[in-house]
PDB file of N, CA and C in Angstrom:
ATOM      1  N   MET A   1     -12.254  -4.518 -20.918  1.00  0.00           N
ATOM      2  CA  MET A   1     -13.063  -4.551 -19.797  1.00  0.00           C
ATOM      3  C   MET A   1     -12.137  -4.079 -18.608  1.00  0.00           C
ATOM      4  N   GLY A   2     -12.638  -3.270 -17.843  1.00  0.00           N
ATOM      5  CA  GLY A   2     -11.875  -2.784 -16.842  1.00  0.00           C
ATOM      6  C   GLY A   2     -12.422  -3.766 -15.430  1.00  0.00           C
ATOM      7  N   ASN A   3     -11.533  -3.522 -14.408  1.00  0.00           N
ATOM      8  CA  ASN A   3     -11.927  -4.148 -13.102  1.00  0.00           C
ATOM      9  C   ASN A   3     -13.040  -3.658 -12.494  1.00  0.00           C
ATOM     10  N   LYS A   4     -13.779  -4.324 -11.558  1.00  0.00           N
ATOM     11  CA  LYS A   4     -14.898  -3.681 -10.946  1.00  0.00           C
ATOM     12  C   LYS A   4     -14.459  -2.772  -9.810  1.00  0.00           C
ATOM     13  N   GLU A   5     -15.343  -1.868  -9.532  1.00  0.00           N
ATOM     14  CA  GLU A   5     -14.676  -0.787  -8.575  1.00  0.00           C
ATOM     15  C   GLU A   5     -14.659  -1.496  -7.100  1.00  0.00           C
ATOM     16  N   ARG A   6     -13.828  -1.284  -6.327  1.00  0.00           N
ATOM     17  CA  ARG A   6     -13.591  -1.821  -5.002  1.00  0.00           C
ATOM     18  C   ARG A   6     -14.436  -1.206  -4.214  1.00  0.00           C
ATOM     19  N   VAL A   7     -14.958  -2.126  -3.208  1.00  0.00           N
ATOM     20  CA  VAL A   7     -16.069  -1.297  -2.118  1.00  0.00           C
ATOM     21  C   VAL A   7     -15.136  -1.311  -0.911  1.00  0.00           C
ATOM     22  N   TRP A   8     -15.163   0.031  -0.340  1.00  0.00           N
ATOM     23  CA  TRP A   8     -14.434   0.373   0.793  1.00  0.00           C
ATOM     24  C   TRP A   8     -15.177   0.782   1.821  1.00  0.00           C
ATOM     25  N   TYR A   9     -15.062   0.163   3.002  1.00  0.00           N
ATOM     26  CA  TYR A   9     -15.862   0.447   4.150  1.00  0.00           C
ATOM     27  C   TYR A   9     -15.105   1.158   5.137  1.00  0.00           C
ATOM     28  N   PRO A  10     -15.702   2.423   5.795  1.00  0.00           N
ATOM     29  CA  PRO A  10     -14.999   3.099   6.637  1.00  0.00           C
ATOM     30  C   PRO A  10     -14.832   2.480   8.194  1.00  0.00           C
ATOM     31  N   ASN A  11     -13.682   2.614   8.772  1.00  0.00           N
ATOM     32  CA  ASN A  11     -13.312   2.139   9.985  1.00  0.00           C
ATOM     33  C   ASN A  11     -13.293   0.643   9.923  1.00  0.00           C
ATOM     34  N   THR A  12     -12.610   0.010   8.748  1.00  0.00           N
ATOM     35  CA  THR A  12     -12.222  -1.313   8.658  1.00  0.00           C
ATOM     36  C   THR A  12     -10.805  -1.657   8.370  1.00  0.00           C
ATOM     37  N   THR A  13     -10.426  -2.799   8.637  1.00  0.00           N
ATOM     38  CA  THR A  13      -8.966  -3.169   8.147  1.00  0.00           C
ATOM     39  C   THR A  13      -8.972  -3.755   6.832  1.00  0.00           C
ATOM     40  N   HIS A  14      -7.871  -3.201   6.095  1.00  0.00           N
ATOM     41  CA  HIS A  14      -7.866  -3.713   4.583  1.00  0.00           C
ATOM     42  C   HIS A  14      -6.305  -4.172   4.422  1.00  0.00           C
ATOM     43  N   HIS A  15      -6.425  -5.311   3.750  1.00  0.00           N
ATOM     44  CA  HIS A  15      -5.147  -6.092   3.478  1.00  0.00           C
ATOM     45  C   HIS A  15      -4.670  -5.405   2.146  1.00  0.00           C
ATOM     46  N   ILE A  16      -3.449  -4.605   2.131  1.00  0.00           N
ATOM     47  CA  ILE A  16      -2.936  -3.938   1.011  1.00  0.00           C
ATOM     48  C   ILE A  16      -1.413  -4.618   0.576  1.00  0.00           C
ATOM     49  N   THR A  17      -1.367  -4.959  -0.513  1.00  0.00           N
ATOM     50  CA  THR A  17      -0.188  -5.516  -1.186  1.00  0.00           C
ATOM     51  C   THR A  17       0.505  -4.605  -1.875  1.00  0.00           C
ATOM     52  N   VAL A  18       1.913  -4.611  -1.785  1.00  0.00           N
ATOM     53  CA  VAL A  18       2.380  -3.648  -2.523  1.00  0.00           C
ATOM     54  C   VAL A  18       3.870  -4.312  -2.848  1.00  0.00           C
ATOM     55  N   ARG A  19       4.093  -4.437  -4.581  1.00  0.00           N
ATOM     56  CA  ARG A  19       5.162  -4.917  -4.947  1.00  0.00           C
ATOM     57  C   ARG A  19       5.777  -4.413  -6.224  1.00  0.00           C
ATOM     58  N   GLY A  20       6.756  -4.564  -6.491  1.00  0.00           N
ATOM     59  CA  GLY A  20       7.201  -3.852  -7.721  1.00  0.00           C
ATOM     60  C   GLY A  20       7.147  -5.192  -8.888  1.00  0.00           C
ATOM     61  N   ASN A  21       7.714  -4.714 -10.072  1.00  0.00           N
ATOM     62  CA  ASN A  21       7.446  -5.585 -11.281  1.00  0.00           C
ATOM     63  C   ASN A  21       8.370  -6.644 -10.976  1.00  0.00           C
ATOM     64  N   ARG A  22       8.172  -7.952 -11.210  1.00  0.00           N
ATOM     65  CA  ARG A  22       8.792  -9.347 -11.132  1.00  0.00           C
ATOM     66  C   ARG A  22       9.195  -9.327  -9.582  1.00  0.00           C
ATOM     67  N   ARG A  23       8.137  -8.722  -8.748  1.00  0.00           N
ATOM     68  CA  ARG A  23       8.429  -8.806  -7.291  1.00  0.00           C
ATOM     69  C   ARG A  23       9.698  -8.038  -6.734  1.00  0.00           C
ATOM     70  N   ASN A  24      10.299  -7.418  -7.700  1.00  0.00           N
ATOM     71  CA  ASN A  24      11.470  -6.452  -6.962  1.00  0.00           C
ATOM     72  C   ASN A  24      11.083  -5.659  -5.905  1.00  0.00           C
ATOM     73  N   ASP A  25      11.848  -5.286  -4.988  1.00  0.00           N
ATOM     74  CA  ASP A  25      11.660  -4.407  -3.923  1.00  0.00           C
ATOM     75  C   ASP A  25      11.109  -2.916  -4.400  1.00  0.00           C
ATOM     76  N   ILE A  26      10.331  -2.432  -3.805  1.00  0.00           N
ATOM     77  CA  ILE A  26       9.935  -1.005  -4.359  1.00  0.00           C
ATOM     78  C   ILE A  26      10.345   0.153  -3.332  1.00  0.00           C
ATOM     79  N   PHE A  27      10.870  -0.094  -2.301  1.00  0.00           N
ATOM     80  CA  PHE A  27      11.501   0.818  -1.365  1.00  0.00           C
ATOM     81  C   PHE A  27      13.103   0.856  -1.293  1.00  0.00           C
ATOM     82  N   ARG A  28      13.503   1.952  -1.463  1.00  0.00           N
ATOM     83  CA  ARG A  28      14.838   2.158  -1.367  1.00  0.00           C
ATOM     84  C   ARG A  28      15.556   1.791  -0.014  1.00  0.00           C
ATOM     85  N   ASP A  29      15.098   2.317   0.975  1.00  0.00           N
ATOM     86  CA  ASP A  29      15.666   1.951   2.251  1.00  0.00           C
ATOM     87  C   ASP A  29      14.505   2.047   3.427  1.00  0.00           C
ATOM     88  N   GLU A  30      14.599   2.028   4.545  1.00  0.00           N
ATOM     89  CA  GLU A  30      13.783   2.197   5.649  1.00  0.00           C
ATOM     90  C   GLU A  30      13.099   3.468   5.758  1.00  0.00           C
ATOM     91  N   GLU A  31      13.775   4.756   5.461  1.00  0.00           N
ATOM     92  CA  GLU A  31      13.032   5.842   5.357  1.00  0.00           C
ATOM     93  C   GLU A  31      11.757   5.823   4.417  1.00  0.00           C
ATOM     94  N   ASP A  32      12.250   5.391   2.987  1.00  0.00           N
ATOM     95  CA  ASP A  32      11.177   5.286   1.933  1.00  0.00           C
ATOM     96  C   ASP A  32      10.264   4.671   2.429  1.00  0.00           C
ATOM     97  N   PHE A  33      10.311   3.467   3.134  1.00  0.00           N
ATOM     98  CA  PHE A  33       9.146   2.619   3.416  1.00  0.00           C
ATOM     99  C   PHE A  33       8.357   3.589   4.651  1.00  0.00           C
ATOM    100  N   GLU A  34       8.932   4.249   5.456  1.00  0.00           N
ATOM    101  CA  GLU A  34       8.221   4.944   6.484  1.00  0.00           C
ATOM    102  C   GLU A  34       7.367   6.034   5.692  1.00  0.00           C
ATOM    103  N   ILE A  35       7.872   6.586   4.952  1.00  0.00           N
ATOM    104  CA  ILE A  35       7.112   7.608   3.973  1.00  0.00           C
ATOM    105  C   ILE A  35       5.907   7.196   3.410  1.00  0.00           C
ATOM    106  N   HIS A  36       6.058   5.639   2.962  1.00  0.00           N
ATOM    107  CA  HIS A  36       4.947   5.009   2.393  1.00  0.00           C
ATOM    108  C   HIS A  36       3.889   4.843   3.514  1.00  0.00           C
ATOM    109  N   LEU A  37       4.232   4.513   4.711  1.00  0.00           N
ATOM    110  CA  LEU A  37       3.419   4.161   5.503  1.00  0.00           C
ATOM    111  C   LEU A  37       2.479   5.391   6.017  1.00  0.00           C
ATOM    112  N   THR A  38       3.351   6.511   6.012  1.00  0.00           N
ATOM    113  CA  THR A  38       2.581   7.750   6.392  1.00  0.00           C
ATOM    114  C   THR A  38       1.778   8.179   5.550  1.00  0.00           C
ATOM    115  N   GLN A  39       1.883   8.011   4.264  1.00  0.00           N
ATOM    116  CA  GLN A  39       0.748   8.201   3.299  1.00  0.00           C
ATOM    117  C   GLN A  39      -0.610   7.684   3.610  1.00  0.00           C
ATOM    118  N   PHE A  40      -0.604   6.641   4.175  1.00  0.00           N
ATOM    119  CA  PHE A  40      -1.853   6.023   4.595  1.00  0.00           C
ATOM    120  C   PHE A  40      -2.421   6.397   5.921  1.00  0.00           C
ATOM    121  N   GLY A  41      -1.552   7.498   6.620  1.00  0.00           N
ATOM    122  CA  GLY A  41      -2.232   7.831   7.674  1.00  0.00           C
ATOM    123  C   GLY A  41      -1.508   7.174   9.101  1.00  0.00           C
ATOM    124  N   ARG A  42      -0.796   6.128   8.978  1.00  0.00           N
ATOM    125  CA  ARG A  42      -0.382   5.340   9.988  1.00  0.00           C
ATOM    126  C   ARG A  42       1.102   5.337   9.964  1.00  0.00           C
ATOM    127  N   LYS A  43       1.670   5.327  11.116  1.00  0.00           N
ATOM    128  CA  LYS A  43       3.089   5.095  11.256  1.00  0.00           C
ATOM    129  C   LYS A  43       3.494   4.062  12.186  1.00  0.00           C
ATOM    130  N   TYR A  44       4.300   3.102  11.849  1.00  0.00           N
ATOM    131  CA  TYR A  44       4.763   1.936  12.833  1.00  0.00           C
ATOM    132  C   TYR A  44       6.054   2.102  13.402  1.00  0.00           C
TER     133      TYR A  44
END
């Protein structure tokens, strides 16, 4: 049995958690992290 489909509401804030296997780092460096952020349409 799969997970229930998530409900997404436009113009709201979502908490997104990203981590690797066994909580290892998933970004090689700061540039890699910046690319990840721009894929969500935001740049910090």
